[in-house]
Structure formats: structure tokens, C-alpha cells
């Protein structure tokens, strides 16, 4: 059995390595799209408009002087830094704020504190739950919780791989679930708004209400947190424990359980973080009831400024709590050290800056030339020819399973969303207007997370394998894959059914 698993893992790894990095893909897409506009210059086609009135479109040849000038005039600002009303800036603010809390050591201390007080009976349940919640700061989940889970099980005389598998499932397969909106919501929601509006798709839910890109999935991800926690617990008890309980494992002498114990200093920091939480909530409440309070505008519409600024309020929360913790443990001794924490986190965003430069310029060219509308039109026509416009649930499920398969070979949530979102958000809406941007984006989240734990393309796959090898030195990626497959399949199926339930019952995904 392990041999087959290793062969499958090796095959996936070989195929994945042949796929270029998304930055390279977009670098190739741009000249290809440019050449296509030259070949199709002047081509016209019609799409259904409001009320069924046909709307005529024309492909612009980007080789023409005026269009070439547009490319250079807009490459830096409109098509990158200011693309989508400055979506890149909003994403960077979230990352910077979370970075303060992460650099202070808060997330690691929270995970260790929770891990030290888990009853054995509920150990798998709480490991999955903590793993899901830790996705707000992925490094802490992968680098602290998973090895801690191994230590907890080793200390109980049980196979450490059981605890590590449960924690890995929560951190990675449950990546898009949580109870607090964070960077993932910003990246997916803000870009979904761009993908929709650039193709004339209303950024609204099924009831016609305008969507808030940050909180449009909040109800769904909170419910998902509960459902996936129970699912992960069930998979651990039903499949993983029976398989690993009687398997051999070793506990290396260099493993130091004290490394994952909560120190007195960290306990002091956590008490300070509790005070910081209270202070931050009071500040947010004061702003929401004061300068950012709701009001009725001249047209009689209810305006909620606090909802329009939700990402800044969430960022403020992380900064305040992180500073309280960091000061208490001595991590932050001056304002400059807080600034350095922000800078350190932003240093990790270099790849995102490069990726978005090529991605947003490519999307800008698609939108300006009309080529994006044409591609969407072709895809919509194909799906309609299959008769799927009458079966929106099949469209939803089809998109989920397509994305889940692609995720095995291409890592990175942001890069895949940039590849798939611009096509599927407008396409599925035009095939069936019930496929609103929030449901398409939610389907992507379900698919992207569920297969993270069975692909070597996931950033931390090698790191997790190295952690597991401490207890089973001969372990290969295929062996890890076979342990994690039940989680992946269960999460994919049950999470898909949950989203289909929201869709068919008309339950709003967020607020």
C-alpha cells in the first residue's frame, strides 16, 4: 500500500513541477492576449443585456497607436497599484496588521495555551478546531500547532501522527473557514468584485443586495468552522486512529516537550492580550457608534460606514491586541520595533507584488480590449449548449471539483483565484444569474482548501513531512497522502453539500 501511495505522490509531484509558476503563466498570457487582439481586431459579437436587449461588443486591436499608448499610460497606476479601486493596498494593510500580532508571538502562545488544556477524549476535535482558527496566521498553525499535536500524542503514549494529521487537516484543509474575516476574505472578496464589475456583472447577492467583499462569506465560514471541525473529528476517529493506533513510531531523544509549553512570560502576555482585546473592542464599538455610525442619506438609503471600513477595523483589532501582547513579553520595547514587525511581514509580500503586477495588467488588457468579454461569452455559450443553465447546482458542483483537481497541481490560493476568477465569476453568472459572485467565490474557497493536504505543491507540504519523519523516519509523501486522503475527500464532499444547502435554501452567505 505505501508503495502505491508513493507512486501516486511521485506522479503528482512530477506533473506539478512541469507547470510553470503563475507569474510565468501571466507573463506568457499577456503577449498571447495582445497577439489575439491583433488577429481579432474589429471582430464584433453580441451578448444579452438588461431586459434581454442585445449588447454589441468589438475587439480592439492593441497594436493601434491609441491602444498602445493606453498600455503604457496605465501599466503602473490604473492597471496595477490602483486596479479595482486600490485592492492591492487594502490587501497589504490586512497583511501588515496581522503581521504585528504574528511577530509579537501572540498566535504561537495562543496555540500552545489551548494545546496544554485539551482533554484526551476531545483531543482530535480541538486540534482540528484550533487548526482551522489558526488559519488567520498560517505560519503559527503549520509551525507550532502541528509539531505540538505530535508532542501531545507522544506524551500520551499514542502515535504522534494521529494528532499531527488532525491538526494538519484543520490548518490546511480547513484553511478558508474561520470565525473572523481576515486576509483570505480580503483577497477573495475584493478581487471577486473586480472580476464581476469588469464584465458588467452586478456585485450583489441573489436577493439583489450589494455585497460587502470582506464579509460576504462571514455566515458561511462560521458555519463551515463548526461543520469541518466535526467532520475532521469523525474522520480521525473513524479512519485515521484505527489505521495508525497499531503502527510503529519512535520518539527522538532530541524532542523537547518544553519547547511547546507556555512560559510564565507568555502567560503574562496572554493576560495583556486579553486586556488589549477589550480595549480594541471598545475602540471599534466607539467608532461604529460615533464617526462611523449608520445614517440615512439624501436619497433615503441606509448607509453603514462601519461596514464599508470593516477591513480597517479588523486591522485595528489585530494591531492593538498584538501590541499589548508584544509589550508585555518584551518583544516590543519601542514603537520602532512595532514598525519593524510590519516591515518584516511586508517583506514576505514581494511575490504578491510581482504576481499582481502581471495579473492586473493582463486583466486590464482583457477588459479594455473586449477580449475578456469574448472569452466569457464563449464559455457561457458552451455551458448553455450542454443545457447546464437549467441546473445551477451542477454548475456549482462542477466548478468546485474542477478547482479541487487543479489545486493538486498548482499551489497558491491567490494565484489560482487570479487564474480562475476572471473567467468563472462572469461566465457562470451569464449562464445562470443565480450564480452570483459570492457563491462562485465560496465554491472556489471550498475547492481550494479541501485538496491542500494531498498535494506536494502546497507550500508547507515538505515541512509537514519533515515533522512527521521525526516519528517515522522512513515516511514518504505517498504515505502522508494516504493518511490525509480521508480528510480531503470528507471535507470536499461535506463542505460542497453545505454550500449547496445554502444555495438551494436561499440562505445568505454573509452580511
Protein backbone atom coordinates (compact mmCIF):
# COMPACT_ATOMS: atom_id res chain seq x y z
CA UNK A 1 0.00 0.00 0.00
CA UNK A 2 2.71 2.56 0.85
CA UNK A 3 4.38 1.80 -2.48
CA UNK A 4 1.24 2.70 -4.41
CA UNK A 5 0.87 5.85 -2.33
CA UNK A 6 4.44 6.86 -3.02
CA UNK A 7 3.99 6.22 -6.74
CA UNK A 8 0.89 8.42 -6.79
CA UNK A 9 2.65 11.11 -4.79
CA UNK A 10 5.64 11.00 -7.14
CA UNK A 11 3.37 11.28 -10.19
CA UNK A 12 1.59 14.33 -8.78
CA UNK A 13 4.92 15.89 -7.88
CA UNK A 14 6.36 15.32 -11.38
CA UNK A 15 3.31 16.80 -13.09
CA UNK A 16 3.23 19.74 -10.70
CA UNK A 17 6.88 20.57 -11.32
CA UNK A 18 6.22 20.80 -15.05
CA UNK A 19 3.62 23.53 -14.53
CA UNK A 20 5.24 26.98 -14.57
CA UNK A 21 4.87 29.39 -11.68
CA UNK A 22 1.72 31.57 -12.05
CA UNK A 23 3.92 34.64 -12.56
CA UNK A 24 5.46 32.95 -15.61
CA UNK A 25 1.99 31.92 -16.78
CA UNK A 26 0.75 35.51 -16.71
CA UNK A 27 3.94 36.75 -18.36
CA UNK A 28 3.10 34.38 -21.23
CA UNK A 29 -0.63 35.18 -21.19
CA UNK A 30 -0.04 38.89 -21.79
CA UNK A 31 1.72 38.71 -25.21
CA UNK A 32 -0.62 35.86 -26.22
CA UNK A 33 -3.66 38.03 -25.46
CA UNK A 34 -2.04 41.00 -27.20
CA UNK A 35 -1.45 38.95 -30.35
CA UNK A 36 -5.01 37.64 -30.25
CA UNK A 37 -6.40 41.19 -30.16
CA UNK A 38 -4.31 41.98 -33.25
CA UNK A 39 -5.69 38.95 -35.11
CA UNK A 40 -9.29 39.64 -34.00
CA UNK A 41 -9.17 43.44 -34.32
CA UNK A 42 -12.60 44.76 -35.27
CA UNK A 43 -14.42 41.48 -34.57
CA UNK A 44 -17.93 42.10 -33.22
CA UNK A 45 -20.28 39.91 -31.21
CA UNK A 46 -23.46 40.30 -29.17
CA UNK A 47 -24.30 39.36 -25.60
CA UNK A 48 -27.66 39.57 -23.80
CA UNK A 49 -28.09 42.85 -21.95
CA UNK A 50 -30.52 44.08 -19.31
CA UNK A 51 -34.06 43.08 -20.18
CA UNK A 52 -32.81 40.80 -22.95
CA UNK A 53 -31.73 43.67 -25.20
CA UNK A 54 -28.63 42.60 -27.20
CA UNK A 55 -25.42 44.48 -26.46
CA UNK A 56 -22.80 44.69 -29.21
CA UNK A 57 -19.10 44.36 -28.41
CA UNK A 58 -15.99 44.84 -30.51
CA UNK A 59 -12.45 43.53 -30.04
CA UNK A 60 -9.92 46.38 -30.04
CA UNK A 61 -6.59 45.75 -31.73
CA UNK A 62 -4.00 46.66 -29.11
CA UNK A 63 -1.36 47.28 -31.83
CA UNK A 64 -3.09 50.51 -32.84
CA UNK A 65 -1.32 53.67 -31.68
CA UNK A 66 -4.03 54.87 -29.27
CA UNK A 67 -4.32 51.45 -27.65
CA UNK A 68 -0.54 51.03 -27.37
CA UNK A 69 -0.44 54.39 -25.61
CA UNK A 70 -3.15 53.17 -23.23
CA UNK A 71 -0.98 50.15 -22.28
CA UNK A 72 1.98 52.33 -21.27
CA UNK A 73 -0.07 55.10 -19.66
CA UNK A 74 -1.90 52.66 -17.38
CA UNK A 75 0.66 49.92 -16.68
CA UNK A 76 1.87 51.25 -13.31
CA UNK A 77 -1.09 53.04 -11.78
CA UNK A 78 -4.55 52.24 -13.17
CA UNK A 79 -3.71 48.65 -14.15
CA UNK A 80 -1.70 47.75 -11.05
CA UNK A 81 -1.49 49.93 -7.94
CA UNK A 82 -4.97 51.46 -8.40
CA UNK A 83 -6.57 48.44 -10.05
CA UNK A 84 -10.01 47.68 -8.63
CA UNK A 85 -10.09 50.90 -6.57
CA UNK A 86 -6.77 50.09 -4.92
CA UNK A 87 -7.48 46.46 -3.96
CA UNK A 88 -3.76 45.78 -3.62
CA UNK A 89 -3.40 48.46 -0.94
CA UNK A 90 -6.26 47.02 1.10
CA UNK A 91 -4.74 43.53 0.98
CA UNK A 92 -1.37 44.89 2.10
CA UNK A 93 -2.97 46.72 5.04
CA UNK A 94 -4.54 43.49 6.29
CA UNK A 95 -1.28 41.58 5.95
CA UNK A 96 0.62 44.33 7.76
CA UNK A 97 -1.84 44.42 10.67
CA UNK A 98 -1.90 40.63 11.11
CA UNK A 99 1.89 40.76 10.94
CA UNK A 100 2.05 42.82 14.13
CA UNK A 101 0.10 40.17 16.05
CA UNK A 102 2.07 37.33 14.48
CA UNK A 103 5.52 38.90 15.04
CA UNK A 104 4.66 39.59 18.68
CA UNK A 105 4.37 35.82 19.25
CA UNK A 106 0.67 36.06 20.15
CA UNK A 107 -0.59 33.36 17.79
CA UNK A 108 2.02 30.83 18.85
CA UNK A 109 1.28 31.42 22.53
CA UNK A 110 -2.48 31.05 21.97
CA UNK A 111 -1.98 27.72 20.21
CA UNK A 112 0.30 26.39 22.96
CA UNK A 113 -2.09 27.58 25.67
CA UNK A 114 -5.02 25.82 24.06
CA UNK A 115 -2.99 22.68 23.43
CA UNK A 116 -1.98 22.39 27.07
CA UNK A 117 -5.59 22.17 28.24
CA UNK A 118 -7.10 19.65 25.84
CA UNK A 119 -8.72 16.55 27.42
CA UNK A 120 -7.59 13.36 25.67
CA UNK A 121 -11.13 12.38 24.70
CA UNK A 122 -11.65 15.58 22.73
CA UNK A 123 -8.08 15.95 21.53
CA UNK A 124 -8.78 15.35 17.80
CA UNK A 125 -11.84 17.62 17.85
CA UNK A 126 -10.00 20.53 19.42
CA UNK A 127 -6.88 20.05 17.31
CA UNK A 128 -8.96 20.36 14.14
CA UNK A 129 -10.80 23.38 15.54
CA UNK A 130 -7.63 25.17 16.65
CA UNK A 131 -6.09 24.34 13.28
CA UNK A 132 -8.97 25.98 11.43
CA UNK A 133 -8.88 29.05 13.65
CA UNK A 134 -5.09 29.33 13.24
CA UNK A 135 -5.53 29.95 9.51
CA UNK A 136 -5.73 33.65 10.36
CA UNK A 137 -1.93 33.32 10.72
CA UNK A 138 -0.87 30.29 8.70
CA UNK A 139 2.75 30.12 9.88
CA UNK A 140 1.71 29.66 13.50
CA UNK A 141 -0.65 26.83 12.60
CA UNK A 142 1.86 24.94 10.49
CA UNK A 143 4.98 25.58 12.53
CA UNK A 144 3.59 25.44 16.08
CA UNK A 145 0.31 23.54 16.22
CA UNK A 146 1.25 20.54 14.07
CA UNK A 147 4.50 19.65 15.92
CA UNK A 148 2.74 20.42 19.23
CA UNK A 149 -0.01 17.94 18.29
CA UNK A 150 2.67 15.29 17.75
CA UNK A 151 4.17 16.00 21.17
CA UNK A 152 0.79 15.82 22.87
CA UNK A 153 0.09 12.38 21.43
CA UNK A 154 3.63 11.17 22.10
CA UNK A 155 3.24 12.24 25.74
CA UNK A 156 0.10 10.10 25.94
CA UNK A 157 1.95 7.12 24.50
CA UNK A 158 -0.09 7.25 21.30
CA UNK A 159 1.02 7.54 17.69
CA UNK A 160 2.02 11.21 17.18
CA UNK A 161 0.99 11.03 13.52
CA UNK A 162 -2.68 10.87 14.59
CA UNK A 163 -2.54 14.26 16.26
CA UNK A 164 -0.41 15.75 13.51
CA UNK A 165 -2.85 14.56 10.85
CA UNK A 166 -5.84 16.09 12.69
CA UNK A 167 -4.02 19.38 13.15
CA UNK A 168 -2.81 19.39 9.53
CA UNK A 169 -6.38 18.80 8.33
CA UNK A 170 -7.63 21.77 10.33
CA UNK A 171 -4.84 24.17 9.40
CA UNK A 172 -4.71 23.36 5.69
CA UNK A 173 -7.89 21.59 4.51
CA UNK A 174 -9.99 23.96 6.62
CA UNK A 175 -7.92 26.95 5.52
CA UNK A 176 -10.84 29.05 4.23
CA UNK A 177 -13.06 28.58 7.27
CA UNK A 178 -12.83 30.76 10.37
CA UNK A 179 -14.94 32.91 12.67
CA UNK A 180 -13.05 36.16 11.98
CA UNK A 181 -12.73 37.73 8.49
CA UNK A 182 -9.08 38.11 7.58
CA UNK A 183 -6.60 38.32 4.69
CA UNK A 184 -8.23 35.44 2.79
CA UNK A 185 -11.56 37.27 2.79
CA UNK A 186 -9.88 40.43 1.53
CA UNK A 187 -8.02 38.68 -1.28
CA UNK A 188 -11.02 36.66 -2.49
CA UNK A 189 -13.76 39.23 -1.89
CA UNK A 190 -12.07 42.34 -3.26
CA UNK A 191 -10.83 40.56 -6.37
CA UNK A 192 -14.26 38.93 -6.90
CA UNK A 193 -15.70 42.45 -7.02
CA UNK A 194 -13.15 43.39 -9.68
CA UNK A 195 -13.83 40.25 -11.74
CA UNK A 196 -17.58 40.87 -11.63
CA UNK A 197 -17.72 44.59 -12.29
CA UNK A 198 -15.13 44.49 -15.09
CA UNK A 199 -17.54 42.27 -17.05
CA UNK A 200 -20.71 44.14 -16.14
CA UNK A 201 -21.83 41.58 -13.55
CA UNK A 202 -23.65 43.12 -10.56
CA UNK A 203 -21.68 42.64 -7.35
CA UNK A 204 -24.81 41.62 -5.49
CA UNK A 205 -26.29 38.53 -3.88
CA UNK A 206 -29.27 36.52 -5.10
CA UNK A 207 -31.65 38.98 -3.41
CA UNK A 208 -30.11 41.84 -5.38
CA UNK A 209 -28.43 43.35 -2.30
CA UNK A 210 -24.97 44.86 -2.73
CA UNK A 211 -22.21 42.63 -1.36
CA UNK A 212 -19.55 43.68 1.11
CA UNK A 213 -16.43 41.96 -0.29
CA UNK A 214 -14.89 41.39 3.15
CA UNK A 215 -17.92 39.95 4.94
CA UNK A 216 -19.85 38.41 2.03
CA UNK A 217 -18.94 34.89 3.28
CA UNK A 218 -18.92 35.50 7.03
CA UNK A 219 -22.00 33.41 7.90
CA UNK A 220 -20.82 30.59 5.64
CA UNK A 221 -17.28 30.42 7.06
CA UNK A 222 -18.55 30.45 10.66
CA UNK A 223 -20.93 27.55 9.94
CA UNK A 224 -18.14 25.86 7.97
CA UNK A 225 -15.86 26.09 11.01
CA UNK A 226 -18.34 24.05 13.07
CA UNK A 227 -19.12 21.55 10.30
CA UNK A 228 -15.48 20.95 9.35
CA UNK A 229 -14.43 20.57 12.98
CA UNK A 230 -17.00 17.81 13.47
CA UNK A 231 -16.05 16.27 10.12
CA UNK A 232 -12.36 16.23 10.98
CA UNK A 233 -13.10 14.70 14.38
CA UNK A 234 -15.21 11.97 12.75
CA UNK A 235 -12.54 11.17 10.13
CA UNK A 236 -9.85 10.97 12.82
CA UNK A 237 -11.85 8.56 14.99
CA UNK A 238 -13.29 6.51 12.12
CA UNK A 239 -10.35 6.19 9.72
CA UNK A 240 -7.07 7.65 10.98
CA UNK A 241 -6.94 6.30 14.54
CA UNK A 242 -7.78 2.69 13.58
CA UNK A 243 -5.09 2.79 10.89
CA UNK A 244 -2.32 4.34 13.00
CA UNK A 245 -3.05 3.10 16.52
CA UNK A 246 -1.11 -0.12 15.97
CA UNK A 247 1.58 1.38 13.72
CA UNK A 248 5.15 1.69 14.92
CA UNK A 249 6.63 5.06 15.78
CA UNK A 250 9.70 6.43 17.51
CA UNK A 251 10.16 9.43 19.81
CA UNK A 252 13.58 11.02 19.15
CA UNK A 253 15.67 11.98 22.17
CA UNK A 254 16.14 15.50 20.83
CA UNK A 255 12.39 16.21 21.01
CA UNK A 256 11.93 18.78 23.78
CA UNK A 257 8.37 19.00 25.07
CA UNK A 258 9.29 22.14 26.98
CA UNK A 259 9.72 23.97 23.69
CA UNK A 260 5.95 23.93 23.30
CA UNK A 261 4.98 24.73 26.88
CA UNK A 262 3.54 28.12 27.73
CA UNK A 263 6.17 30.08 29.63
CA UNK A 264 5.42 32.47 32.50
CA UNK A 265 6.31 35.32 30.17
CA UNK A 266 3.82 34.12 27.59
CA UNK A 267 1.13 33.74 30.27
CA UNK A 268 1.76 37.36 31.20
CA UNK A 269 1.49 38.32 27.53
CA UNK A 270 -1.80 36.46 27.12
CA UNK A 271 -3.28 38.31 30.09
CA UNK A 272 -2.20 41.57 28.46
CA UNK A 273 -3.67 40.41 25.15
CA UNK A 274 -6.99 39.86 26.92
CA UNK A 275 -6.91 43.47 28.08
CA UNK A 276 -5.92 44.50 24.55
CA UNK A 277 -8.91 42.62 23.16
CA UNK A 278 -11.23 44.55 25.48
CA UNK A 279 -9.61 47.85 24.54
CA UNK A 280 -9.78 47.11 20.82
CA UNK A 281 -13.45 46.10 21.01
CA UNK A 282 -14.27 49.30 22.89
CA UNK A 283 -12.42 51.36 20.28
CA UNK A 284 -14.22 49.59 17.42
CA UNK A 285 -17.59 49.98 19.17
CA UNK A 286 -16.89 53.67 19.76
CA UNK A 287 -16.04 54.24 16.12
CA UNK A 288 -19.05 52.22 14.93
CA UNK A 289 -21.44 54.23 17.09
CA UNK A 290 -19.62 57.54 16.58
CA UNK A 291 -17.86 58.73 13.42
CA UNK A 292 -18.72 55.52 11.53
CA UNK A 293 -22.33 55.21 12.73
CA UNK A 294 -25.14 54.38 10.30
CA UNK A 295 -27.18 57.21 8.77
CA UNK A 296 -29.81 57.81 6.10
CA UNK A 297 -28.53 59.75 3.10
CA UNK A 298 -30.39 62.29 0.98
CA UNK A 299 -31.92 59.58 -1.20
CA UNK A 300 -33.35 57.78 1.84
CA UNK A 301 -30.89 54.88 1.68
CA UNK A 302 -29.32 53.49 4.84
CA UNK A 303 -25.53 53.96 4.79
CA UNK A 304 -23.31 51.93 7.11
CA UNK A 305 -19.80 53.48 7.16
CA UNK A 306 -18.55 50.92 9.69
CA UNK A 307 -19.32 48.12 7.22
CA UNK A 308 -17.56 50.00 4.42
CA UNK A 309 -14.49 50.20 6.67
CA UNK A 310 -14.69 46.72 8.16
CA UNK A 311 -11.23 45.74 6.93
CA UNK A 312 -9.63 48.72 8.67
CA UNK A 313 -11.50 47.91 11.89
CA UNK A 314 -10.32 44.29 11.76
CA UNK A 315 -6.77 45.51 11.10
CA UNK A 316 -7.02 47.86 14.07
CA UNK A 317 -8.07 44.92 16.27
CA UNK A 318 -5.01 42.85 15.35
CA UNK A 319 -2.62 45.77 15.81
CA UNK A 320 -3.94 46.71 19.27
CA UNK A 321 -4.02 43.14 20.61
CA UNK A 322 -0.63 42.35 19.08
CA UNK A 323 0.97 45.45 20.61
CA UNK A 324 -0.45 44.67 24.07
CA UNK A 325 0.98 41.14 23.91
CA UNK A 326 4.31 42.22 22.41
CA UNK A 327 4.89 44.92 25.03
CA UNK A 328 4.04 42.55 27.89
CA UNK A 329 6.52 39.86 26.79
CA UNK A 330 9.22 42.36 25.90
CA UNK A 331 9.03 41.72 22.15
CA UNK A 332 8.07 45.35 21.50
CA UNK A 333 10.15 47.79 23.55
CA UNK A 334 9.62 50.77 21.29
CA UNK A 335 7.37 52.00 18.51
CA UNK A 336 10.21 51.27 16.10
CA UNK A 337 10.03 47.56 16.90
CA UNK A 338 6.32 47.56 16.05
CA UNK A 339 7.24 49.23 12.76
CA UNK A 340 9.89 46.56 12.18
CA UNK A 341 7.23 43.86 12.72
CA UNK A 342 5.14 45.46 9.98
CA UNK A 343 8.16 45.74 7.68
CA UNK A 344 9.10 42.11 8.32
CA UNK A 345 5.64 40.95 7.34
CA UNK A 346 5.61 43.15 4.25
CA UNK A 347 8.93 41.64 3.17
CA UNK A 348 7.05 38.40 2.56
CA UNK A 349 4.72 40.17 0.12
CA UNK A 350 7.33 40.61 -2.64
CA UNK A 351 5.94 37.67 -4.60
CA UNK A 352 2.40 39.04 -4.34
CA UNK A 353 3.57 42.40 -5.69
CA UNK A 354 5.22 40.76 -8.69
CA UNK A 355 2.27 38.43 -9.29
CA UNK A 356 -0.31 41.22 -9.13
CA UNK A 357 1.71 43.43 -11.50
CA UNK A 358 1.46 40.89 -14.29
CA UNK A 359 -2.01 39.65 -13.29
CA UNK A 360 -3.70 43.03 -13.02
CA UNK A 361 -2.10 44.32 -16.22
CA UNK A 362 -3.30 41.20 -18.01
CA UNK A 363 -6.82 41.64 -16.62
CA UNK A 364 -6.73 45.30 -17.59
CA UNK A 365 -5.85 44.38 -21.17
CA UNK A 366 -8.65 41.78 -21.28
CA UNK A 367 -11.18 44.32 -20.05
CA UNK A 368 -10.07 47.23 -22.24
CA UNK A 369 -9.75 45.22 -25.46
CA UNK A 370 -13.04 43.35 -25.01
CA UNK A 371 -11.21 40.02 -25.15
CA UNK A 372 -12.28 39.10 -21.61
CA UNK A 373 -15.94 39.61 -22.51
CA UNK A 374 -15.47 37.42 -25.60
CA UNK A 375 -13.85 34.56 -23.62
CA UNK A 376 -16.65 34.75 -21.06
CA UNK A 377 -19.20 34.77 -23.88
CA UNK A 378 -17.68 31.64 -25.45
CA UNK A 379 -17.63 29.78 -22.13
CA UNK A 380 -21.20 30.75 -21.36
CA UNK A 381 -22.33 29.62 -24.82
CA UNK A 382 -20.60 26.26 -24.35
CA UNK A 383 -22.23 25.63 -20.96
CA UNK A 384 -25.61 26.65 -22.32
CA UNK A 385 -25.14 24.24 -25.24
CA UNK A 386 -24.72 21.49 -22.65
CA UNK A 387 -28.02 22.55 -21.12
CA UNK A 388 -26.48 23.29 -17.73
CA UNK A 389 -28.15 26.69 -17.41
CA UNK A 390 -31.18 24.86 -16.06
CA UNK A 391 -29.11 23.16 -13.36
CA UNK A 392 -27.24 25.80 -11.33
CA UNK A 393 -26.37 23.26 -8.63
CA UNK A 394 -24.49 21.20 -11.23
CA UNK A 395 -22.61 24.34 -12.30
CA UNK A 396 -21.64 24.98 -8.69
CA UNK A 397 -20.51 21.40 -8.07
CA UNK A 398 -18.70 21.24 -11.41
CA UNK A 399 -16.70 24.38 -10.59
CA UNK A 400 -15.81 23.02 -7.14
CA UNK A 401 -14.48 19.71 -8.42
CA UNK A 402 -12.64 21.36 -11.33
CA UNK A 403 -10.87 23.76 -8.97
CA UNK A 404 -10.13 20.98 -6.45
CA UNK A 405 -8.41 18.98 -9.19
CA UNK A 406 -6.40 21.98 -10.44
CA UNK A 407 -5.33 22.68 -6.85
CA UNK A 408 -3.46 19.38 -6.74
CA UNK A 409 -1.08 20.63 -9.43
CA UNK A 410 -0.97 24.40 -8.86
CA UNK A 411 -0.32 25.78 -5.37
CA UNK A 412 -1.26 29.19 -4.01
CA UNK A 413 -4.76 30.47 -3.28
CA UNK A 414 -4.14 33.95 -4.72
CA UNK A 415 -2.57 32.79 -7.97
CA UNK A 416 -5.34 30.27 -8.70
CA UNK A 417 -8.05 32.82 -7.91
CA UNK A 418 -6.39 35.21 -10.37
CA UNK A 419 -6.42 32.46 -12.98
CA UNK A 420 -9.94 31.13 -12.47
CA UNK A 421 -11.90 34.05 -11.01
CA UNK A 422 -11.86 36.39 -14.03
CA UNK A 423 -13.28 33.61 -16.19
CA UNK A 424 -15.75 31.82 -13.93
CA UNK A 425 -17.23 34.74 -11.94
CA UNK A 426 -18.80 36.40 -15.01
CA UNK A 427 -19.19 33.19 -17.03
CA UNK A 428 -21.31 31.31 -14.51
CA UNK A 429 -23.45 34.40 -13.88
CA UNK A 430 -24.20 34.80 -17.58
CA UNK A 431 -25.08 31.11 -17.84
CA UNK A 432 -27.45 31.40 -14.87
CA UNK A 433 -27.97 34.66 -12.91
CA UNK A 434 -28.44 32.62 -9.72
CA UNK A 435 -24.68 32.02 -9.82
CA UNK A 436 -23.86 35.31 -8.13
CA UNK A 437 -20.23 36.32 -7.41
CA UNK A 438 -20.46 35.42 -3.72
CA UNK A 439 -21.45 31.81 -4.47
CA UNK A 440 -18.80 31.36 -7.17
CA UNK A 441 -16.15 32.74 -4.80
CA UNK A 442 -17.40 30.49 -1.97
CA UNK A 443 -17.20 27.47 -4.28
CA UNK A 444 -13.58 28.38 -5.01
CA UNK A 445 -12.79 28.57 -1.28
CA UNK A 446 -14.26 25.12 -0.67
CA UNK A 447 -12.31 23.54 -3.51
CA UNK A 448 -9.00 25.31 -2.91
CA UNK A 449 -8.81 24.31 0.76
CA UNK A 450 -10.04 20.72 0.57
CA UNK A 451 -7.20 19.30 -1.53
CA UNK A 452 -4.35 21.30 0.06
CA UNK A 453 -3.35 18.33 2.22
CA UNK A 454 -2.88 15.87 -0.66
CA UNK A 455 -0.60 17.88 -2.94
CA UNK A 456 3.16 18.40 -2.80
CA UNK A 457 2.54 21.81 -4.39
CA UNK A 458 1.28 23.18 -1.06
CA UNK A 459 3.94 25.47 0.43
CA UNK A 460 4.31 23.59 3.71
CA UNK A 461 3.98 20.02 2.35
CA UNK A 462 7.70 19.32 2.72
CA UNK A 463 7.80 20.92 6.17
CA UNK A 464 4.94 18.75 7.47
CA UNK A 465 6.54 15.64 6.00
CA UNK A 466 9.78 16.52 7.82
CA UNK A 467 7.86 16.91 11.10
CA UNK A 468 6.22 13.51 10.63
CA UNK A 469 9.53 11.83 9.77
CA UNK A 470 10.77 12.58 13.28
CA UNK A 471 8.38 9.88 14.48
CA UNK A 472 8.53 7.67 11.37
CA UNK A 473 11.88 8.17 9.59
CA UNK A 474 11.00 6.06 6.51
CA UNK A 475 7.84 8.02 5.76
CA UNK A 476 7.37 9.26 2.18
CA UNK A 477 4.98 11.80 0.69
CA UNK A 478 2.78 8.97 -0.57
CA UNK A 479 2.43 7.65 2.99
CA UNK A 480 1.41 11.10 4.21
CA UNK A 481 -1.01 11.40 1.28
CA UNK A 482 -2.73 8.11 2.20
CA UNK A 483 -3.20 9.33 5.79
CA UNK A 484 -4.68 12.64 4.65
CA UNK A 485 -6.89 11.45 1.74
CA UNK A 486 -9.90 10.62 4.03
CA UNK A 487 -9.83 14.17 5.40
CA UNK A 488 -9.59 15.65 1.92
CA UNK A 489 -12.48 13.63 0.50
CA UNK A 490 -14.70 14.14 3.55
CA UNK A 491 -14.07 17.90 3.65
CA UNK A 492 -14.64 18.23 -0.11
CA UNK A 493 -17.92 16.28 -0.11
CA UNK A 494 -19.43 17.62 3.11
CA UNK A 495 -18.32 21.21 2.51
CA UNK A 496 -19.76 21.04 -1.02
CA UNK A 497 -23.06 19.75 0.35
CA UNK A 498 -23.08 22.58 2.89
CA UNK A 499 -22.63 25.19 0.14
CA UNK A 500 -25.30 23.51 -2.00
CA UNK A 501 -27.59 23.66 1.05
CA UNK A 502 -27.00 27.40 1.41
CA UNK A 503 -27.66 27.81 -2.31
CA UNK A 504 -30.86 25.75 -2.60
CA UNK A 505 -32.38 27.13 0.61
CA UNK A 506 -31.52 30.72 -0.29
CA UNK A 507 -29.51 31.29 2.89
CA UNK A 508 -27.27 34.38 2.63
CA UNK A 509 -23.56 33.59 2.79
CA UNK A 510 -22.60 36.74 4.66
CA UNK A 511 -23.55 40.21 5.74
